[in-house]
Amino acid sequence: MAPALMALGAEVELRSLRGARWLPLHLLYRDDGADALCKAPDELLLSVRLPAPPTGLVSAYRKARVRGAMDFPLAGVACALAVDQGRLSHLSIALTGTNSRPLLLEGSADWIGRSVDADLLPEMQAAVGKLVQKQVSPMRSTVTASNHRRLVAAALAQRLLADLVQAAACG
């Protein structure tokens, strides 16, 4: 659920006796398996808030796994994008199953404002594939090599992006 909420721009409310604070969901997680959340020991995660969606928002989540639906993913990708008046107005991509924490992909917002035409998608897919491969750092598992999981994450992101651009352009 975390990557889907991250791609949608979710914030979480943390509360303790000292008061409450809001934090973007992608900042709640730290890259530390022993202490994975950026919260004080006495804080509770009280609520999740989603911003109003931009006009024309489409989103989806996909995961690759070895066995049944309940398996942890080799890689999971959530993407949210919007096209407004023929231009990309929102793009956010989050990943899971690769790093020790859910990851909001940096650099995807660089595409906002571009005209959605036949040239955009192949260029954007290639760039997103490179961003994913640079930013994920999968650990070796008993099932697959870490580089395989990196490639799976990139391919999932590229395919999901293509499907959502098509859905947004038709919507």
N, C-alpha and C. Protein backbone atom coordinates (compact mmCIF):
# COMPACT_ATOMS: atom_id res chain seq x y z
N MET A 1 0.82 -1.19 0.00
CA MET A 1 0.00 0.00 0.00
C MET A 1 0.87 1.26 0.00
N ALA A 2 2.02 1.22 0.63
CA ALA A 2 2.86 2.43 0.75
C ALA A 2 3.22 3.04 -0.59
N PRO A 3 3.69 2.27 -1.59
CA PRO A 3 4.06 2.93 -2.84
C PRO A 3 2.86 3.57 -3.55
N ALA A 4 1.71 2.93 -3.50
CA ALA A 4 0.52 3.52 -4.13
C ALA A 4 0.17 4.85 -3.46
N LEU A 5 0.20 4.88 -2.13
CA LEU A 5 -0.08 6.12 -1.42
C LEU A 5 0.99 7.18 -1.66
N MET A 6 2.24 6.74 -1.75
CA MET A 6 3.34 7.68 -2.01
C MET A 6 3.18 8.32 -3.39
N ALA A 7 2.83 7.52 -4.40
CA ALA A 7 2.65 8.05 -5.75
C ALA A 7 1.50 9.06 -5.80
N LEU A 8 0.55 8.92 -4.90
CA LEU A 8 -0.59 9.85 -4.84
C LEU A 8 -0.32 11.06 -3.94
N GLY A 9 0.89 11.13 -3.36
CA GLY A 9 1.26 12.29 -2.56
C GLY A 9 0.74 12.27 -1.13
N ALA A 10 0.55 11.09 -0.56
CA ALA A 10 0.00 10.96 0.79
C ALA A 10 0.91 11.58 1.85
N GLU A 11 0.26 12.07 2.89
CA GLU A 11 0.94 12.55 4.10
C GLU A 11 0.38 11.75 5.27
N VAL A 12 1.18 11.59 6.30
CA VAL A 12 0.73 10.89 7.49
C VAL A 12 0.78 11.82 8.70
N GLU A 13 -0.15 11.60 9.60
CA GLU A 13 -0.18 12.35 10.85
C GLU A 13 0.42 11.49 11.96
N LEU A 14 1.45 12.00 12.59
CA LEU A 14 2.06 11.34 13.74
C LEU A 14 1.67 12.14 14.97
N ARG A 15 1.27 11.44 16.03
CA ARG A 15 0.81 12.13 17.23
C ARG A 15 1.42 11.49 18.48
N SER A 16 1.76 12.36 19.42
CA SER A 16 2.25 11.93 20.73
C SER A 16 1.68 12.90 21.76
N LEU A 17 2.08 12.75 23.01
CA LEU A 17 1.64 13.69 24.04
C LEU A 17 2.17 15.10 23.77
N ARG A 18 3.23 15.20 23.00
CA ARG A 18 3.81 16.51 22.66
C ARG A 18 3.02 17.24 21.58
N GLY A 19 2.16 16.54 20.88
CA GLY A 19 1.38 17.15 19.81
C GLY A 19 1.37 16.30 18.56
N ALA A 20 0.94 16.92 17.47
CA ALA A 20 0.82 16.21 16.20
C ALA A 20 1.70 16.88 15.15
N ARG A 21 2.11 16.10 14.18
CA ARG A 21 2.85 16.63 13.04
C ARG A 21 2.49 15.83 11.80
N TRP A 22 2.56 16.52 10.67
CA TRP A 22 2.30 15.88 9.38
C TRP A 22 3.62 15.71 8.65
N LEU A 23 3.73 14.59 7.95
CA LEU A 23 4.96 14.23 7.27
C LEU A 23 4.60 13.60 5.92
N PRO A 24 5.23 14.01 4.81
CA PRO A 24 5.00 13.27 3.56
C PRO A 24 5.35 11.80 3.78
N LEU A 25 4.49 10.93 3.29
CA LEU A 25 4.68 9.50 3.55
C LEU A 25 6.06 9.00 3.14
N HIS A 26 6.59 9.49 2.02
CA HIS A 26 7.90 8.98 1.59
C HIS A 26 9.02 9.36 2.56
N LEU A 27 8.79 10.34 3.44
CA LEU A 27 9.80 10.69 4.45
C LEU A 27 9.64 9.91 5.75
N LEU A 28 8.58 9.12 5.86
CA LEU A 28 8.37 8.31 7.07
C LEU A 28 9.37 7.16 7.15
N TYR A 29 9.80 6.68 6.00
CA TYR A 29 10.66 5.49 5.97
C TYR A 29 12.13 5.87 5.90
N ARG A 30 12.95 5.10 6.61
CA ARG A 30 14.40 5.28 6.52
C ARG A 30 15.03 3.97 6.06
N ASP A 31 16.20 4.07 5.54
CA ASP A 31 16.91 2.93 4.97
C ASP A 31 17.66 2.18 6.07
N ASP A 32 16.90 1.69 7.03
CA ASP A 32 17.48 0.99 8.18
C ASP A 32 16.51 -0.11 8.59
N GLY A 33 16.85 -1.34 8.32
CA GLY A 33 15.97 -2.45 8.63
C GLY A 33 15.64 -2.60 10.10
N ALA A 34 16.52 -2.17 10.99
CA ALA A 34 16.28 -2.30 12.43
C ALA A 34 15.40 -1.17 12.96
N ASP A 35 15.46 -0.01 12.34
CA ASP A 35 14.70 1.16 12.77
C ASP A 35 14.15 1.83 11.51
N ALA A 36 13.09 1.24 10.95
CA ALA A 36 12.65 1.58 9.60
C ALA A 36 11.81 2.86 9.50
N LEU A 37 11.27 3.36 10.61
CA LEU A 37 10.39 4.52 10.54
C LEU A 37 11.00 5.74 11.21
N CYS A 38 10.83 6.89 10.60
CA CYS A 38 11.32 8.17 11.14
C CYS A 38 10.26 8.74 12.07
N LYS A 39 10.09 8.11 13.20
CA LYS A 39 9.15 8.59 14.21
C LYS A 39 9.72 8.31 15.58
N ALA A 40 9.28 9.11 16.53
CA ALA A 40 9.72 8.91 17.91
C ALA A 40 9.03 7.67 18.49
N PRO A 41 9.65 7.04 19.48
CA PRO A 41 9.05 5.83 20.07
C PRO A 41 7.64 6.04 20.63
N ASP A 42 7.34 7.26 21.07
CA ASP A 42 6.01 7.50 21.65
C ASP A 42 5.00 8.03 20.63
N GLU A 43 5.39 8.14 19.37
CA GLU A 43 4.46 8.64 18.35
C GLU A 43 3.66 7.49 17.74
N LEU A 44 2.40 7.78 17.45
CA LEU A 44 1.53 6.86 16.74
C LEU A 44 1.20 7.44 15.38
N LEU A 45 1.11 6.59 14.40
CA LEU A 45 0.63 7.03 13.10
C LEU A 45 -0.90 7.05 13.21
N LEU A 46 -1.46 8.23 13.16
CA LEU A 46 -2.88 8.39 13.44
C LEU A 46 -3.75 8.40 12.19
N SER A 47 -3.29 9.05 11.13
CA SER A 47 -4.12 9.12 9.93
C SER A 47 -3.26 9.34 8.69
N VAL A 48 -3.89 9.12 7.56
CA VAL A 48 -3.28 9.33 6.26
C VAL A 48 -4.15 10.32 5.50
N ARG A 49 -3.51 11.28 4.85
CA ARG A 49 -4.25 12.30 4.10
C ARG A 49 -3.75 12.31 2.67
N LEU A 50 -4.69 12.31 1.74
CA LEU A 50 -4.37 12.40 0.32
C LEU A 50 -4.78 13.77 -0.20
N PRO A 51 -3.95 14.40 -1.01
CA PRO A 51 -4.35 15.68 -1.58
C PRO A 51 -5.44 15.47 -2.63
N ALA A 52 -6.15 16.54 -2.96
CA ALA A 52 -7.14 16.46 -4.04
C ALA A 52 -6.41 16.06 -5.31
N PRO A 53 -6.95 15.11 -6.05
CA PRO A 53 -6.25 14.66 -7.26
C PRO A 53 -6.30 15.72 -8.35
N PRO A 54 -5.24 15.83 -9.14
CA PRO A 54 -5.28 16.74 -10.27
C PRO A 54 -6.28 16.25 -11.32
N THR A 55 -6.75 17.15 -12.13
CA THR A 55 -7.67 16.79 -13.21
C THR A 55 -7.04 15.72 -14.09
N GLY A 56 -7.82 14.67 -14.38
CA GLY A 56 -7.37 13.63 -15.29
C GLY A 56 -6.41 12.63 -14.69
N LEU A 57 -6.31 12.55 -13.37
CA LEU A 57 -5.37 11.63 -12.74
C LEU A 57 -5.74 10.18 -13.01
N VAL A 58 -4.75 9.39 -13.40
CA VAL A 58 -4.88 7.94 -13.49
C VAL A 58 -3.72 7.35 -12.69
N SER A 59 -3.96 6.22 -12.06
CA SER A 59 -2.90 5.60 -11.27
C SER A 59 -3.09 4.09 -11.25
N ALA A 60 -2.01 3.40 -10.95
CA ALA A 60 -2.07 1.94 -10.87
C ALA A 60 -0.84 1.43 -10.13
N TYR A 61 -0.92 0.17 -9.73
CA TYR A 61 0.19 -0.52 -9.06
C TYR A 61 0.36 -1.88 -9.72
N ARG A 62 1.60 -2.25 -9.94
CA ARG A 62 1.90 -3.59 -10.48
C ARG A 62 3.05 -4.18 -9.70
N LYS A 63 3.03 -5.50 -9.57
CA LYS A 63 4.17 -6.15 -8.93
C LYS A 63 4.53 -7.41 -9.69
N ALA A 64 5.79 -7.76 -9.61
CA ALA A 64 6.29 -9.01 -10.16
C ALA A 64 6.66 -9.90 -8.98
N ARG A 65 6.29 -11.14 -9.06
CA ARG A 65 6.58 -12.08 -7.98
C ARG A 65 6.85 -13.45 -8.59
N VAL A 66 7.43 -14.30 -7.79
CA VAL A 66 7.79 -15.62 -8.28
C VAL A 66 6.60 -16.57 -8.21
N ARG A 67 5.87 -16.52 -7.10
CA ARG A 67 4.76 -17.47 -6.91
C ARG A 67 3.45 -16.72 -6.79
N GLY A 68 2.57 -17.16 -5.91
CA GLY A 68 1.21 -16.64 -5.78
C GLY A 68 1.11 -15.19 -5.35
N ALA A 69 -0.10 -14.70 -5.36
CA ALA A 69 -0.40 -13.29 -5.12
C ALA A 69 0.05 -12.80 -3.75
N MET A 70 0.21 -13.66 -2.79
CA MET A 70 0.56 -13.22 -1.44
C MET A 70 2.07 -13.08 -1.24
N ASP A 71 2.85 -13.47 -2.23
CA ASP A 71 4.31 -13.34 -2.11
C ASP A 71 4.73 -11.89 -2.03
N PHE A 72 5.84 -11.66 -1.35
CA PHE A 72 6.46 -10.35 -1.42
C PHE A 72 6.92 -10.15 -2.85
N PRO A 73 6.86 -8.93 -3.36
CA PRO A 73 7.25 -8.74 -4.75
C PRO A 73 8.76 -8.78 -4.95
N LEU A 74 9.15 -9.23 -6.12
CA LEU A 74 10.53 -9.04 -6.55
C LEU A 74 10.73 -7.54 -6.76
N ALA A 75 9.68 -6.92 -7.28
CA ALA A 75 9.63 -5.48 -7.45
C ALA A 75 8.17 -5.09 -7.59
N GLY A 76 7.84 -3.93 -7.07
CA GLY A 76 6.50 -3.38 -7.21
C GLY A 76 6.62 -1.91 -7.60
N VAL A 77 5.71 -1.46 -8.47
CA VAL A 77 5.76 -0.08 -8.95
C VAL A 77 4.36 0.51 -8.90
N ALA A 78 4.27 1.71 -8.34
CA ALA A 78 3.04 2.50 -8.37
C ALA A 78 3.32 3.75 -9.17
N CYS A 79 2.36 4.15 -9.97
CA CYS A 79 2.54 5.33 -10.80
C CYS A 79 1.24 6.11 -10.80
N ALA A 80 1.34 7.43 -10.71
CA ALA A 80 0.20 8.32 -10.83
C ALA A 80 0.59 9.40 -11.82
N LEU A 81 -0.27 9.62 -12.80
CA LEU A 81 0.01 10.69 -13.76
C LEU A 81 -1.28 11.32 -14.22
N ALA A 82 -1.15 12.54 -14.71
CA ALA A 82 -2.30 13.27 -15.24
C ALA A 82 -1.87 14.02 -16.48
N VAL A 83 -2.79 14.08 -17.42
CA VAL A 83 -2.61 14.86 -18.64
C VAL A 83 -3.72 15.89 -18.66
N ASP A 84 -3.33 17.14 -18.83
CA ASP A 84 -4.30 18.23 -18.87
C ASP A 84 -4.03 19.06 -20.12
N GLN A 85 -5.02 19.16 -20.99
CA GLN A 85 -4.92 19.90 -22.24
C GLN A 85 -3.71 19.46 -23.07
N GLY A 86 -3.52 18.13 -23.12
CA GLY A 86 -2.47 17.56 -23.96
C GLY A 86 -1.07 17.61 -23.39
N ARG A 87 -0.93 18.09 -22.15
CA ARG A 87 0.38 18.17 -21.52
C ARG A 87 0.38 17.35 -20.23
N LEU A 88 1.53 16.76 -19.94
CA LEU A 88 1.69 16.02 -18.70
C LEU A 88 1.69 17.01 -17.54
N SER A 89 0.72 16.87 -16.64
CA SER A 89 0.60 17.83 -15.54
C SER A 89 0.99 17.23 -14.19
N HIS A 90 1.14 15.91 -14.13
CA HIS A 90 1.53 15.26 -12.88
C HIS A 90 2.18 13.92 -13.23
N LEU A 91 3.29 13.61 -12.56
CA LEU A 91 3.91 12.29 -12.70
C LEU A 91 4.65 11.97 -11.42
N SER A 92 4.29 10.85 -10.84
CA SER A 92 4.94 10.39 -9.61
C SER A 92 5.03 8.87 -9.68
N ILE A 93 6.21 8.34 -9.34
CA ILE A 93 6.45 6.90 -9.40
C ILE A 93 7.09 6.46 -8.08
N ALA A 94 6.57 5.39 -7.50
CA ALA A 94 7.13 4.84 -6.26
C ALA A 94 7.37 3.36 -6.46
N LEU A 95 8.38 2.84 -5.74
CA LEU A 95 8.77 1.44 -5.88
C LEU A 95 8.82 0.75 -4.53
N THR A 96 8.64 -0.55 -4.57
CA THR A 96 8.76 -1.36 -3.37
C THR A 96 9.37 -2.71 -3.76
N GLY A 97 9.84 -3.43 -2.75
CA GLY A 97 10.40 -4.76 -2.99
C GLY A 97 11.84 -4.74 -3.46
N THR A 98 12.39 -3.58 -3.69
CA THR A 98 13.75 -3.49 -4.19
C THR A 98 14.70 -3.01 -3.09
N ASN A 99 14.36 -1.93 -2.47
CA ASN A 99 15.18 -1.35 -1.41
C ASN A 99 14.65 -1.82 -0.06
N SER A 100 15.32 -1.42 1.01
CA SER A 100 14.86 -1.82 2.33
C SER A 100 13.67 -0.98 2.79
N ARG A 101 13.24 -0.06 1.95
CA ARG A 101 12.09 0.80 2.26
C ARG A 101 11.39 1.14 0.95
N PRO A 102 10.11 1.54 1.02
CA PRO A 102 9.47 2.04 -0.19
C PRO A 102 10.20 3.30 -0.66
N LEU A 103 10.27 3.49 -1.95
CA LEU A 103 11.09 4.54 -2.53
C LEU A 103 10.28 5.38 -3.49
N LEU A 104 10.28 6.70 -3.30
CA LEU A 104 9.69 7.62 -4.25
C LEU A 104 10.77 7.98 -5.26
N LEU A 105 10.52 7.69 -6.53
CA LEU A 105 11.53 7.90 -7.57
C LEU A 105 11.78 9.39 -7.77
N GLU A 106 13.04 9.78 -7.65
CA GLU A 106 13.42 11.17 -7.87
C GLU A 106 13.64 11.40 -9.36
N GLY A 107 13.23 12.57 -9.84
CA GLY A 107 13.47 12.95 -11.22
C GLY A 107 12.28 12.77 -12.14
N SER A 108 11.22 12.11 -11.69
CA SER A 108 10.07 11.90 -12.57
C SER A 108 9.32 13.20 -12.84
N ALA A 109 9.36 14.14 -11.92
CA ALA A 109 8.65 15.41 -12.12
C ALA A 109 9.28 16.27 -13.21
N ASP A 110 10.48 15.92 -13.66
CA ASP A 110 11.14 16.67 -14.73
C ASP A 110 10.34 16.64 -16.04
N TRP A 111 9.42 15.70 -16.17
CA TRP A 111 8.65 15.54 -17.40
C TRP A 111 7.39 16.39 -17.41
N ILE A 112 7.02 16.96 -16.29
CA ILE A 112 5.79 17.75 -16.20
C ILE A 112 5.88 18.96 -17.13
N GLY A 113 4.78 19.19 -17.84
CA GLY A 113 4.72 20.30 -18.78
C GLY A 113 4.97 19.89 -20.22
N ARG A 114 5.49 18.69 -20.41
CA ARG A 114 5.79 18.23 -21.77
C ARG A 114 4.50 17.84 -22.50
N SER A 115 4.48 18.09 -23.78
CA SER A 115 3.35 17.72 -24.62
C SER A 115 3.31 16.20 -24.78
N VAL A 116 2.14 15.62 -24.58
CA VAL A 116 1.98 14.17 -24.71
C VAL A 116 1.73 13.87 -26.19
N ASP A 117 2.78 13.44 -26.86
CA ASP A 117 2.70 13.11 -28.29
C ASP A 117 3.44 11.80 -28.53
N ALA A 118 3.53 11.42 -29.78
CA ALA A 118 4.15 10.13 -30.12
C ALA A 118 5.62 10.06 -29.73
N ASP A 119 6.29 11.19 -29.66
CA ASP A 119 7.72 11.20 -29.32
C ASP A 119 7.97 11.11 -27.81
N LEU A 120 7.01 11.54 -27.01
CA LEU A 120 7.23 11.64 -25.57
C LEU A 120 7.39 10.28 -24.91
N LEU A 121 6.50 9.35 -25.18
CA LEU A 121 6.49 8.09 -24.44
C LEU A 121 7.79 7.30 -24.55
N PRO A 122 8.34 7.04 -25.74
CA PRO A 122 9.59 6.27 -25.78
C PRO A 122 10.73 6.98 -25.04
N GLU A 123 10.80 8.28 -25.18
CA GLU A 123 11.84 9.05 -24.50
C GLU A 123 11.67 8.98 -22.98
N MET A 124 10.42 9.13 -22.53
CA MET A 124 10.13 9.09 -21.10
C MET A 124 10.37 7.69 -20.53
N GLN A 125 9.97 6.66 -21.26
CA GLN A 125 10.19 5.29 -20.79
C GLN A 125 11.68 5.01 -20.62
N ALA A 126 12.48 5.41 -21.59
CA ALA A 126 13.93 5.17 -21.49
C ALA A 126 14.51 5.90 -20.28
N ALA A 127 14.10 7.14 -20.07
CA ALA A 127 14.62 7.92 -18.94
C ALA A 127 14.17 7.33 -17.61
N VAL A 128 12.90 6.92 -17.51
CA VAL A 128 12.40 6.33 -16.27
C VAL A 128 13.12 5.01 -15.99
N GLY A 129 13.35 4.21 -17.01
CA GLY A 129 14.10 2.96 -16.82
C GLY A 129 15.48 3.23 -16.24
N LYS A 130 16.16 4.25 -16.73
CA LYS A 130 17.48 4.60 -16.20
C LYS A 130 17.39 5.12 -14.77
N LEU A 131 16.38 5.95 -14.49
CA LEU A 131 16.21 6.46 -13.12
C LEU A 131 15.98 5.31 -12.13
N VAL A 132 15.13 4.37 -12.52
CA VAL A 132 14.85 3.22 -11.64
C VAL A 132 16.13 2.44 -11.41
N GLN A 133 16.86 2.13 -12.45
CA GLN A 133 18.06 1.32 -12.29
C GLN A 133 19.11 2.02 -11.44
N LYS A 134 19.17 3.34 -11.49
CA LYS A 134 20.14 4.08 -10.67
C LYS A 134 19.71 4.17 -9.20
N GLN A 135 18.40 4.26 -8.96
CA GLN A 135 17.94 4.54 -7.60
C GLN A 135 17.58 3.31 -6.78
N VAL A 136 17.29 2.20 -7.42
CA VAL A 136 16.99 1.00 -6.62
C VAL A 136 18.28 0.30 -6.27
N SER A 137 18.30 -0.29 -5.11
CA SER A 137 19.46 -1.06 -4.68
C SER A 137 18.98 -2.35 -4.02
N PRO A 138 18.50 -3.29 -4.85
CA PRO A 138 17.95 -4.52 -4.29
C PRO A 138 19.03 -5.40 -3.68
N MET A 139 18.64 -6.03 -2.60
CA MET A 139 19.53 -6.99 -1.96
C MET A 139 19.33 -8.34 -2.64
N ARG A 140 20.35 -9.13 -2.64
CA ARG A 140 20.25 -10.48 -3.19
C ARG A 140 19.27 -11.28 -2.34
N SER A 141 18.44 -12.04 -3.00
CA SER A 141 17.50 -12.89 -2.27
C SER A 141 17.82 -14.35 -2.60
N THR A 142 17.10 -15.23 -1.97
CA THR A 142 17.31 -16.65 -2.25
C THR A 142 16.68 -17.04 -3.57
N VAL A 143 15.85 -16.14 -4.13
CA VAL A 143 15.12 -16.46 -5.35
C VAL A 143 15.78 -15.88 -6.60
N THR A 144 16.27 -14.65 -6.51
CA THR A 144 16.82 -13.99 -7.70
C THR A 144 18.05 -13.17 -7.34
N ALA A 145 18.84 -12.88 -8.35
CA ALA A 145 19.99 -12.00 -8.19
C ALA A 145 19.49 -10.55 -8.10
N SER A 146 20.26 -9.71 -7.44
CA SER A 146 19.83 -8.32 -7.25
C SER A 146 19.71 -7.58 -8.58
N ASN A 147 20.59 -7.82 -9.54
CA ASN A 147 20.49 -7.13 -10.82
C ASN A 147 19.22 -7.51 -11.56
N HIS A 148 18.79 -8.76 -11.41
CA HIS A 148 17.53 -9.19 -12.04
C HIS A 148 16.37 -8.37 -11.48
N ARG A 149 16.33 -8.17 -10.20
CA ARG A 149 15.26 -7.39 -9.57
C ARG A 149 15.31 -5.94 -10.02
N ARG A 150 16.49 -5.41 -10.21
CA ARG A 150 16.65 -4.04 -10.73
C ARG A 150 16.05 -3.93 -12.13
N LEU A 151 16.34 -4.90 -12.98
CA LEU A 151 15.82 -4.90 -14.35
C LEU A 151 14.31 -5.10 -14.36
N VAL A 152 13.80 -5.95 -13.48
CA VAL A 152 12.36 -6.16 -13.37
C VAL A 152 11.67 -4.86 -12.95
N ALA A 153 12.22 -4.16 -11.98
CA ALA A 153 11.63 -2.90 -11.53
C ALA A 153 11.58 -1.88 -12.66
N ALA A 154 12.66 -1.78 -13.42
CA ALA A 154 12.70 -0.83 -14.54
C ALA A 154 11.66 -1.20 -15.59
N ALA A 155 11.57 -2.47 -15.94
CA ALA A 155 10.60 -2.91 -16.95
C ALA A 155 9.17 -2.69 -16.48
N LEU A 156 8.89 -2.99 -15.21
CA LEU A 156 7.55 -2.74 -14.67
C LEU A 156 7.19 -1.27 -14.76
N ALA A 157 8.11 -0.40 -14.37
CA ALA A 157 7.86 1.04 -14.41
C ALA A 157 7.61 1.50 -15.84
N GLN A 158 8.38 1.03 -16.78
CA GLN A 158 8.22 1.44 -18.17
C GLN A 158 6.88 0.98 -18.74
N ARG A 159 6.47 -0.25 -18.46
CA ARG A 159 5.19 -0.77 -18.96
C ARG A 159 4.01 -0.07 -18.32
N LEU A 160 4.10 0.14 -17.02
CA LEU A 160 3.01 0.81 -16.31
C LEU A 160 2.87 2.25 -16.81
N LEU A 161 3.97 2.91 -17.02
CA LEU A 161 3.96 4.27 -17.55
C LEU A 161 3.27 4.31 -18.92
N ALA A 162 3.60 3.39 -19.79
CA ALA A 162 2.98 3.34 -21.12
C ALA A 162 1.48 3.13 -21.01
N ASP A 163 1.05 2.21 -20.17
CA ASP A 163 -0.38 1.95 -20.01
C ASP A 163 -1.11 3.17 -19.47
N LEU A 164 -0.51 3.87 -18.52
CA LEU A 164 -1.18 5.02 -17.93
C LEU A 164 -1.19 6.23 -18.86
N VAL A 165 -0.13 6.42 -19.63
CA VAL A 165 -0.12 7.51 -20.61
C VAL A 165 -1.24 7.27 -21.63
N GLN A 166 -1.39 6.04 -22.07
CA GLN A 166 -2.45 5.71 -23.02
C GLN A 166 -3.83 5.93 -22.38
N ALA A 167 -4.02 5.49 -21.14
CA ALA A 167 -5.29 5.68 -20.46
C ALA A 167 -5.61 7.17 -20.27
N ALA A 168 -4.61 7.94 -19.90
CA ALA A 168 -4.82 9.37 -19.68
C ALA A 168 -5.13 10.10 -20.98
N ALA A 169 -4.45 9.69 -22.06
CA ALA A 169 -4.66 10.34 -23.36
C ALA A 169 -6.05 10.03 -23.90
N CYS A 170 -6.57 8.84 -23.58
CA CYS A 170 -7.90 8.45 -24.04
C CYS A 170 -9.00 9.02 -23.17
N GLY A 171 -8.66 9.36 -21.93
CA GLY A 171 -9.66 9.82 -20.96
C GLY A 171 -9.91 11.25 -21.10
